Amino acid sequence: MELLRFTTAGSVDDGKSTLIGRLLYDSKAIFEDQMEAIERVSERSGHEEVNLALLTDGLRSEREQGITIDVAYRYFATPKRKFIIADTPGHIQYTRNMVTGASTANVALILVDARHGVLEQTLRHAYIASLLQIPHVIFCINKMDLVDYSQETFEKIKSDIDAVSSKLSVKDIRFVPISALKGDNVVDRSEVMDWYDGPTLMYLLENIHISSDINHDDFRFPVQYVIRPQSAEWPDYRGYAGRIASGAIKVGDEVGVLPSGFTSKVKTIDMMEESLDVGFAPQSVSITLEDEIDISRGDMLIKRNNGSEPKNSQDIEAMVCWFNERKLMPRGKYVIKHTSSDARCMVTDIQYKMNINTLEKNEEDKEVGMNDIARIKIRSTKPLFFDSYSRNRITGSIILVDEATNETVAAGMII
């Protein structure tokens, strides 16, 4: 069964957690004891109706304030698909949490309060979704029940978003008018918004086409581990384990090894106790080769005659989201982690900082603090093999780690 990952975003109190609670409730993905616990907490808190947001707002501080702070993950399934939901916070001081939750998403649900329309935070979340190359964005115009289910209000918000969408690099943008509290157009079609003839939110999530979002052209296989059982059953087995980042590989294909440049042919492709004829992204497999080549963690297998080869350079330009309270230091030294490889690096230049509320570049203020997004140049101590993030979300992503504290200080998208 196909897995779809989606994230929610929006301004404070736009109803993100309530929407997820409604999806779980209406799709019968909640256990009875969970529902009873939520009913008790809702009653103690003085809510007239069951507060479905409590299904995702798990931290005590979140429930007391009625907001989302951490990234909450929930899992559910329908007969058509399995889903992983990342409920991310809407506050600007938690931008880093949103980047973390949205980094692997296939779809972003951006909620807009029908009463307030498009806000700066709406643009900020849309820009982050665009920056992270999330291929599908669904704008959920929520709380339609509070504007008398007005078609005019929906069309006005849709028009405002269309006006700025040209600045975003998103392949697929959809709009759905909903009421998460009442359930209109979430799982079941609304009876009071008969003017809307589009699909419900759940129908979109179950049927949106995501298989073509993966790069099927360029075979990339970062080696994570070398398997050498050296047992009586497998005395000479030497398998290279990892996850196929993109493309496909079959037994007999010729592959190149980076950085050594040696070539060989694929002998077997193993997954658990099963031997495959073909492996493809995003499977985790073990590959054996016909020749004995010195390959270790951090190396990469590619197909030279298929698509373009990854770039090979010590110099990288990237858009980074800064996670740490300590500011980004010009000429600062960090550890860069890229796929299964890591190296020491130095930030050689801060080109500009992005104003994610106005989508303007600020080349004057280059002080990058927590939750800021900036374009920087990095030089590593050894060459890395990478693609642009727009071409490959796996081999185009990096993280920076503080050498002294071992804290992850930034996530980056290679340009």
Protein backbone atom coordinates (compact mmCIF):
# COMPACT_ATOMS: atom_id res chain seq x y z
CA MET A 1 0.00 0.00 0.00
CA GLU A 2 1.35 3.43 -0.98
CA LEU A 3 2.54 5.73 1.82
CA LEU A 4 1.82 9.47 1.71
CA ARG A 5 3.47 11.91 4.11
CA PHE A 6 1.80 15.25 4.63
CA THR A 7 2.35 18.22 6.88
CA THR A 8 0.02 20.90 8.18
CA ALA A 9 0.91 24.58 8.47
CA GLY A 10 -0.88 27.84 9.04
CA SER A 11 -1.20 30.79 11.37
CA VAL A 12 -1.93 30.43 15.06
CA ASP A 13 -5.47 29.15 15.75
CA ASP A 14 -6.20 28.39 12.09
CA GLY A 15 -7.32 24.94 13.22
CA LYS A 16 -4.46 22.66 12.13
CA SER A 17 -4.72 20.26 15.05
CA THR A 18 -8.53 20.27 14.85
CA LEU A 19 -8.33 19.37 11.16
CA ILE A 20 -6.05 16.40 11.86
CA GLY A 21 -8.34 15.33 14.69
CA ARG A 22 -11.29 15.52 12.29
CA LEU A 23 -9.43 13.44 9.67
CA LEU A 24 -8.62 10.79 12.27
CA TYR A 25 -12.14 10.82 13.73
CA ASP A 26 -14.10 10.73 10.46
CA SER A 27 -11.81 8.07 8.95
CA LYS A 28 -12.41 5.86 12.03
CA ALA A 29 -8.72 5.92 13.01
CA ILE A 30 -9.25 6.60 16.74
CA PHE A 31 -9.55 3.92 19.43
CA GLU A 32 -12.47 4.07 21.84
CA ASP A 33 -10.27 4.65 24.90
CA GLN A 34 -8.54 7.56 23.09
CA MET A 35 -11.90 9.13 22.33
CA GLU A 36 -13.09 8.69 25.91
CA ALA A 37 -9.93 10.36 27.23
CA ILE A 38 -10.38 13.31 24.84
CA GLU A 39 -14.02 13.67 25.88
CA ARG A 40 -13.02 13.80 29.56
CA VAL A 41 -10.30 16.42 28.96
CA SER A 42 -12.67 18.49 26.79
CA GLU A 43 -15.30 18.45 29.52
CA ARG A 44 -12.78 19.46 32.20
CA SER A 45 -11.58 22.32 29.98
CA GLY A 46 -15.11 23.66 29.53
CA HIS A 47 -15.46 22.94 25.80
CA GLU A 48 -19.03 22.63 24.54
CA GLU A 49 -17.99 20.11 21.87
CA VAL A 50 -15.29 17.44 21.87
CA ASN A 51 -11.98 19.20 21.21
CA LEU A 52 -10.45 17.04 18.47
CA ALA A 53 -7.25 19.13 18.54
CA LEU A 54 -6.30 17.29 21.75
CA LEU A 55 -5.57 14.19 19.65
CA THR A 56 -2.38 15.85 18.40
CA ASP A 57 -1.52 18.52 20.98
CA GLY A 58 0.18 16.05 23.28
CA LEU A 59 2.44 18.28 25.39
CA ARG A 60 1.00 19.69 28.61
CA SER A 61 2.16 23.20 27.63
CA GLU A 62 0.40 22.84 24.26
CA ARG A 63 -2.89 21.82 25.83
CA GLU A 64 -2.74 24.61 28.41
CA GLN A 65 -2.03 27.29 25.78
CA GLY A 66 -4.16 25.72 23.06
CA ILE A 67 -1.30 25.88 20.56
CA THR A 68 1.11 23.49 18.84
CA ILE A 69 4.78 23.81 19.83
CA ASP A 70 6.51 20.57 18.91
CA VAL A 71 6.06 18.55 15.71
CA ALA A 72 3.42 15.90 16.41
CA TYR A 73 3.41 12.80 14.20
CA ARG A 74 0.32 10.67 13.71
CA TYR A 75 -0.24 7.55 11.63
CA PHE A 76 -3.43 6.26 10.07
CA ALA A 77 -4.60 4.33 7.04
CA THR A 78 -7.58 4.04 4.73
CA PRO A 79 -8.27 1.21 2.26
CA LYS A 80 -6.41 3.23 -0.40
CA ARG A 81 -3.33 4.60 1.38
CA LYS A 82 -1.23 4.77 4.52
CA PHE A 83 -0.54 8.24 5.94
CA ILE A 84 2.02 9.90 8.18
CA ILE A 85 0.94 13.34 9.40
CA ALA A 86 3.35 15.96 10.73
CA ASP A 87 1.39 18.60 12.66
CA THR A 88 3.79 21.57 12.76
CA PRO A 89 3.56 24.78 14.81
CA GLY A 90 2.41 28.04 13.25
CA HIS A 91 4.33 30.54 15.40
CA ILE A 92 7.26 32.30 13.73
CA GLN A 93 9.59 31.32 16.60
CA TYR A 94 8.99 27.66 15.68
CA THR A 95 9.94 27.96 11.99
CA ARG A 96 12.71 25.39 12.54
CA ASN A 97 10.11 22.90 13.81
CA MET A 98 8.08 23.39 10.65
CA VAL A 99 11.13 22.85 8.44
CA THR A 100 11.89 19.63 10.32
CA GLY A 101 8.33 18.31 10.03
CA ALA A 102 7.90 19.28 6.37
CA SER A 103 11.27 18.12 5.04
CA THR A 104 10.03 14.68 3.94
CA ALA A 105 6.43 15.60 3.05
CA ASN A 106 4.75 14.79 -0.25
CA VAL A 107 1.90 17.22 0.44
CA ALA A 108 1.58 20.40 2.51
CA LEU A 109 -1.80 21.44 3.90
CA ILE A 110 -1.73 25.19 4.54
CA LEU A 111 -4.70 26.39 6.53
CA VAL A 112 -6.18 29.85 6.07
CA ASP A 113 -8.76 31.27 8.48
CA ALA A 114 -11.69 32.35 6.27
CA ARG A 115 -12.36 35.32 8.59
CA HIS A 116 -8.85 36.77 8.32
CA GLY A 117 -7.80 35.79 4.80
CA VAL A 118 -4.18 35.65 3.65
CA LEU A 119 -1.76 36.75 6.39
CA GLU A 120 2.02 37.18 6.46
CA GLN A 121 2.29 33.76 8.11
CA THR A 122 0.35 32.22 5.22
CA LEU A 123 2.98 33.54 2.80
CA ARG A 124 5.77 32.39 5.12
CA HIS A 125 4.47 28.83 5.23
CA ALA A 126 3.88 28.80 1.47
CA TYR A 127 7.47 29.99 0.92
CA ILE A 128 8.88 27.30 3.22
CA ALA A 129 6.84 24.64 1.39
CA SER A 130 8.27 25.99 -1.88
CA LEU A 131 11.81 26.10 -0.47
CA LEU A 132 11.52 22.47 0.65
CA GLN A 133 10.28 21.52 -2.84
CA ILE A 134 7.06 19.96 -1.52
CA PRO A 135 5.42 19.06 -4.84
CA HIS A 136 1.77 19.42 -3.80
CA VAL A 137 0.28 22.23 -1.70
CA ILE A 138 -3.39 22.24 -0.68
CA PHE A 139 -4.73 25.50 0.75
CA CYS A 140 -7.54 24.60 3.16
CA ILE A 141 -9.79 27.63 3.66
CA ASN A 142 -10.96 26.73 7.16
CA LYS A 143 -13.72 27.99 9.47
CA MET A 144 -16.12 28.50 6.57
CA ASP A 145 -18.93 27.99 9.10
CA LEU A 146 -17.97 31.34 10.69
CA VAL A 147 -18.42 33.25 7.41
CA ASP A 148 -21.77 31.63 6.57
CA TYR A 149 -20.09 29.32 4.03
CA SER A 150 -19.63 32.31 1.71
CA GLN A 151 -18.45 31.48 -1.82
CA GLU A 152 -17.37 35.11 -2.26
CA THR A 153 -15.01 34.85 0.74
CA PHE A 154 -13.50 31.63 -0.62
CA GLU A 155 -12.97 33.08 -4.11
CA LYS A 156 -11.37 36.26 -2.66
CA ILE A 157 -8.82 34.24 -0.65
CA LYS A 158 -8.14 31.98 -3.64
CA SER A 159 -7.52 35.05 -5.81
CA ASP A 160 -5.13 36.57 -3.24
CA ILE A 161 -3.07 33.36 -3.10
CA ASP A 162 -3.03 33.04 -6.90
CA ALA A 163 -1.54 36.55 -7.07
CA VAL A 164 1.60 35.48 -5.14
CA SER A 165 1.86 31.87 -6.31
CA SER A 166 4.02 32.91 -9.28
CA LYS A 167 6.84 33.58 -6.77
CA LEU A 168 6.64 29.99 -5.51
CA SER A 169 8.16 26.95 -7.19
CA VAL A 170 5.29 24.57 -6.43
CA LYS A 171 4.12 22.17 -9.15
CA ASP A 172 0.57 21.60 -7.93
CA ILE A 173 -1.63 24.01 -5.91
CA ARG A 174 -5.21 23.14 -4.87
CA PHE A 175 -7.92 24.93 -2.83
CA VAL A 176 -10.60 23.34 -0.63
CA PRO A 177 -13.19 25.22 1.51
CA ILE A 178 -13.62 23.34 4.79
CA SER A 179 -14.87 23.49 8.36
CA ALA A 180 -12.63 21.28 10.49
CA LEU A 181 -14.92 21.78 13.49
CA LYS A 182 -18.12 20.74 11.67
CA GLY A 183 -16.48 18.31 9.23
CA ASP A 184 -17.54 20.04 5.99
CA ASN A 185 -15.50 18.84 2.97
CA VAL A 186 -12.91 17.12 5.19
CA VAL A 187 -13.90 13.47 4.75
CA ASP A 188 -17.55 13.91 3.80
CA ARG A 189 -18.87 16.37 1.24
CA SER A 190 -20.53 19.48 2.68
CA GLU A 191 -24.28 19.77 2.29
CA VAL A 192 -24.24 23.55 2.84
CA MET A 193 -21.49 24.42 0.31
CA ASP A 194 -23.24 23.09 -2.78
CA TRP A 195 -21.50 25.81 -4.83
CA TYR A 196 -18.19 23.91 -4.41
CA ASP A 197 -17.96 21.09 -6.94
CA GLY A 198 -14.36 20.03 -6.27
CA PRO A 199 -13.12 17.00 -4.30
CA THR A 200 -13.08 16.70 -0.51
CA LEU A 201 -9.77 16.93 1.32
CA MET A 202 -9.65 13.20 2.06
CA TYR A 203 -10.37 12.36 -1.59
CA LEU A 204 -7.39 14.52 -2.62
CA LEU A 205 -5.11 12.89 -0.05
CA GLU A 206 -6.15 9.41 -1.17
CA ASN A 207 -5.86 10.08 -4.90
CA ILE A 208 -3.21 12.75 -5.46
CA HIS A 209 -0.49 11.33 -7.74
CA ILE A 210 2.86 11.14 -5.94
CA SER A 211 4.80 8.32 -7.63
CA SER A 212 6.14 10.68 -10.31
CA ASP A 213 7.48 13.09 -7.65
CA ILE A 214 10.52 10.85 -7.09
CA ASN A 215 13.49 11.31 -9.43
CA HIS A 216 13.39 8.08 -11.46
CA ASP A 217 16.16 9.10 -13.88
CA ASP A 218 19.34 9.45 -11.81
CA PHE A 219 20.42 6.36 -9.86
CA ARG A 220 21.94 7.42 -6.52
CA PHE A 221 22.87 4.91 -3.82
CA PRO A 222 24.77 6.33 -0.81
CA VAL A 223 26.42 3.40 0.98
CA GLN A 224 25.50 3.31 4.67
CA TYR A 225 27.08 0.04 5.76
CA VAL A 226 29.17 -2.84 4.40
CA ILE A 227 27.67 -6.23 5.33
CA ARG A 228 30.24 -8.99 5.89
CA PRO A 229 28.60 -11.89 7.79
CA GLN A 230 31.68 -14.18 7.42
CA SER A 231 29.52 -17.09 8.51
CA ALA A 232 29.49 -20.70 7.33
CA GLU A 233 26.39 -19.96 5.26
CA TRP A 234 27.75 -16.70 3.79
CA PRO A 235 31.56 -16.98 3.87
CA ASP A 236 32.27 -14.53 1.02
CA TYR A 237 29.22 -12.25 1.10
CA ARG A 238 30.07 -8.57 0.75
CA GLY A 239 26.97 -6.41 0.43
CA TYR A 240 26.65 -2.64 0.35
CA ALA A 241 23.60 -1.58 2.34
CA GLY A 242 21.68 1.66 2.04
CA ARG A 243 18.55 3.33 0.74
CA ILE A 244 18.14 4.05 -2.96
CA ALA A 245 17.87 7.84 -3.04
CA SER A 246 16.61 8.03 -6.62
CA GLY A 247 16.40 6.08 -9.85
CA ALA A 248 16.37 2.30 -10.28
CA ILE A 249 18.93 -0.49 -10.62
CA LYS A 250 18.69 -4.04 -11.92
CA VAL A 251 20.92 -7.10 -11.80
CA GLY A 252 23.57 -6.86 -14.52
CA ASP A 253 23.61 -3.04 -14.67
CA GLU A 254 27.01 -1.36 -14.74
CA VAL A 255 27.60 1.01 -11.84
CA GLY A 256 30.28 3.52 -10.99
CA VAL A 257 31.72 4.03 -7.52
CA LEU A 258 32.41 7.51 -6.17
CA PRO A 259 34.94 8.81 -5.26
CA SER A 260 37.25 6.04 -6.56
CA GLY A 261 35.82 6.02 -10.09
CA PHE A 262 35.94 2.21 -10.38
CA THR A 263 33.15 0.41 -12.24
CA SER A 264 31.54 -3.00 -11.84
CA LYS A 265 28.29 -4.83 -12.52
CA VAL A 266 25.48 -5.56 -10.08
CA LYS A 267 25.54 -9.21 -9.03
CA THR A 268 22.56 -9.33 -6.63
CA ILE A 269 20.04 -6.98 -5.02
CA ASP A 270 18.83 -8.23 -1.63
CA MET A 271 16.03 -6.90 0.56
CA MET A 272 15.56 -8.70 3.87
CA GLU A 273 15.47 -12.40 2.88
CA GLU A 274 14.30 -11.68 -0.66
CA SER A 275 16.40 -11.35 -3.82
CA LEU A 276 15.20 -8.72 -6.29
CA ASP A 277 15.71 -8.36 -10.02
CA VAL A 278 15.13 -4.61 -9.81
CA GLY A 279 15.52 -2.13 -6.96
CA PHE A 280 14.10 1.39 -7.01
CA ALA A 281 13.72 4.45 -4.80
CA PRO A 282 12.97 4.59 -1.90
CA GLN A 283 13.76 0.92 -1.14
CA SER A 284 16.42 -0.05 1.40
CA VAL A 285 18.53 -2.83 -0.11
CA SER A 286 21.91 -4.55 -0.04
CA ILE A 287 23.78 -4.62 -3.37
CA THR A 288 26.62 -7.01 -4.22
CA LEU A 289 29.00 -6.44 -7.15
CA GLU A 290 30.79 -8.87 -9.46
CA ASP A 291 34.21 -7.34 -8.65
CA GLU A 292 35.88 -6.84 -5.29
CA ILE A 293 36.24 -3.07 -4.91
CA ASP A 294 37.19 -1.10 -1.81
CA ILE A 295 33.87 0.56 -0.91
CA SER A 296 32.95 1.95 2.51
CA ARG A 297 30.34 4.10 4.23
CA GLY A 298 30.07 7.52 2.58
CA ASP A 299 30.81 6.24 -0.94
CA MET A 300 28.10 6.42 -3.61
CA LEU A 301 27.05 4.04 -6.39
CA ILE A 302 25.73 5.65 -9.59
CA LYS A 303 24.84 4.64 -13.15
CA ARG A 304 27.10 6.60 -15.49
CA ASN A 305 25.03 6.01 -18.61
CA ASN A 306 21.78 7.10 -17.02
CA GLY A 307 20.92 10.78 -16.61
CA SER A 308 23.43 13.25 -15.25
CA GLU A 309 26.17 12.50 -12.73
CA PRO A 310 26.22 14.23 -9.35
CA LYS A 311 28.41 17.28 -8.91
CA ASN A 312 31.79 16.64 -7.32
CA SER A 313 33.00 19.65 -5.35
CA GLN A 314 34.24 20.99 -2.03
CA ASP A 315 32.34 24.25 -2.60
CA ILE A 316 28.58 24.26 -1.98
CA GLU A 317 25.92 26.97 -2.12
CA ALA A 318 22.81 26.30 -0.07
CA MET A 319 19.71 27.85 1.45
CA VAL A 320 19.82 27.05 5.16
CA CYS A 321 17.34 27.34 8.00
CA TRP A 322 19.21 28.15 11.21
CA PHE A 323 18.11 26.07 14.22
CA ASN A 324 20.43 27.20 17.00
CA GLU A 325 20.28 30.01 19.55
CA ARG A 326 23.91 30.83 18.81
CA LYS A 327 24.06 32.85 15.59
CA LEU A 328 25.69 31.65 12.37
CA MET A 329 29.33 32.67 12.47
CA PRO A 330 30.93 34.00 9.27
CA ARG A 331 34.03 31.85 8.72
CA GLY A 332 32.50 29.54 11.34
CA LYS A 333 33.59 25.89 11.32
CA TYR A 334 31.05 23.07 11.46
CA VAL A 335 30.58 19.43 10.52
CA ILE A 336 28.57 18.95 7.33
CA LYS A 337 26.53 15.76 6.99
CA HIS A 338 25.38 14.79 3.51
CA THR A 339 23.66 11.44 2.84
CA SER A 340 25.94 8.92 4.60
CA SER A 341 29.05 11.09 4.34
CA ASP A 342 30.38 13.78 6.66
CA ALA A 343 33.26 16.24 6.67
CA ARG A 344 34.43 19.36 8.42
CA CYS A 345 33.53 22.61 6.70
CA MET A 346 33.68 26.39 6.93
CA VAL A 347 31.04 28.98 6.02
CA THR A 348 32.91 31.16 3.53
CA ASP A 349 30.16 33.69 2.76
CA ILE A 350 26.65 34.75 3.78
CA GLN A 351 25.12 36.05 0.56
CA TYR A 352 21.76 37.24 1.86
CA LYS A 353 19.06 36.62 4.43
CA MET A 354 15.51 35.93 3.29
CA ASN A 355 12.58 37.93 4.62
CA ILE A 356 10.07 35.09 4.54
CA ASN A 357 7.14 37.39 5.27
CA THR A 358 7.68 39.60 2.21
CA LEU A 359 9.72 37.09 0.12
CA GLU A 360 12.43 39.75 -0.32
CA LYS A 361 16.21 39.23 -0.13
CA ASN A 362 18.07 41.26 2.51
CA GLU A 363 21.70 41.68 1.46
CA GLU A 364 22.45 44.30 4.14
CA ASP A 365 21.55 42.41 7.32
CA LYS A 366 23.63 39.22 7.29
CA GLU A 367 23.22 38.34 10.96
CA VAL A 368 21.59 34.90 10.85
CA GLY A 369 19.88 33.79 14.06
CA MET A 370 17.49 31.04 15.08
CA ASN A 371 14.63 30.43 12.58
CA ASP A 372 16.27 32.66 9.94
CA ILE A 373 16.66 31.43 6.36
CA ALA A 374 19.75 32.50 4.41
CA ARG A 375 21.80 31.67 1.34
CA ILE A 376 25.38 30.77 2.22
CA LYS A 377 28.56 29.36 0.69
CA ILE A 378 30.35 26.43 2.33
CA ARG A 379 33.75 24.85 1.71
CA SER A 380 34.28 21.29 2.96
CA THR A 381 37.54 19.49 3.73
CA LYS A 382 36.79 16.78 1.16
CA PRO A 383 34.75 16.66 -2.06
CA LEU A 384 31.07 15.75 -1.72
CA PHE A 385 28.88 14.22 -4.44
CA PHE A 386 25.59 16.06 -4.63
CA ASP A 387 22.69 17.17 -6.81
CA SER A 388 20.67 20.34 -6.52
CA TYR A 389 17.81 20.02 -4.03
CA SER A 390 15.31 20.82 -6.78
CA ARG A 391 16.51 17.74 -8.68
CA ASN A 392 16.96 15.35 -5.76
CA ARG A 393 15.66 16.00 -2.23
CA ILE A 394 17.93 13.31 -0.73
CA THR A 395 21.31 14.03 -2.34
CA GLY A 396 20.54 17.76 -2.38
CA SER A 397 20.09 18.14 1.39
CA ILE A 398 22.62 18.75 4.15
CA ILE A 399 22.74 19.41 7.87
CA LEU A 400 25.36 21.38 9.80
CA VAL A 401 26.49 20.23 13.24
CA ASP A 402 28.36 22.24 15.88
CA GLU A 403 31.74 20.56 16.45
CA ALA A 404 31.88 21.46 20.14
CA THR A 405 28.33 20.64 21.30
CA ASN A 406 27.30 18.10 18.62
CA GLU A 407 24.03 20.04 18.18
CA THR A 408 22.37 20.19 14.77
CA VAL A 409 22.51 23.92 14.01
CA ALA A 410 21.08 24.08 10.47
CA ALA A 411 19.36 22.19 7.68
CA GLY A 412 20.22 23.15 4.12
CA MET A 413 18.98 22.77 0.56
CA ILE A 414 21.78 22.74 -2.04
CA ILE A 415 21.28 25.14 -4.95
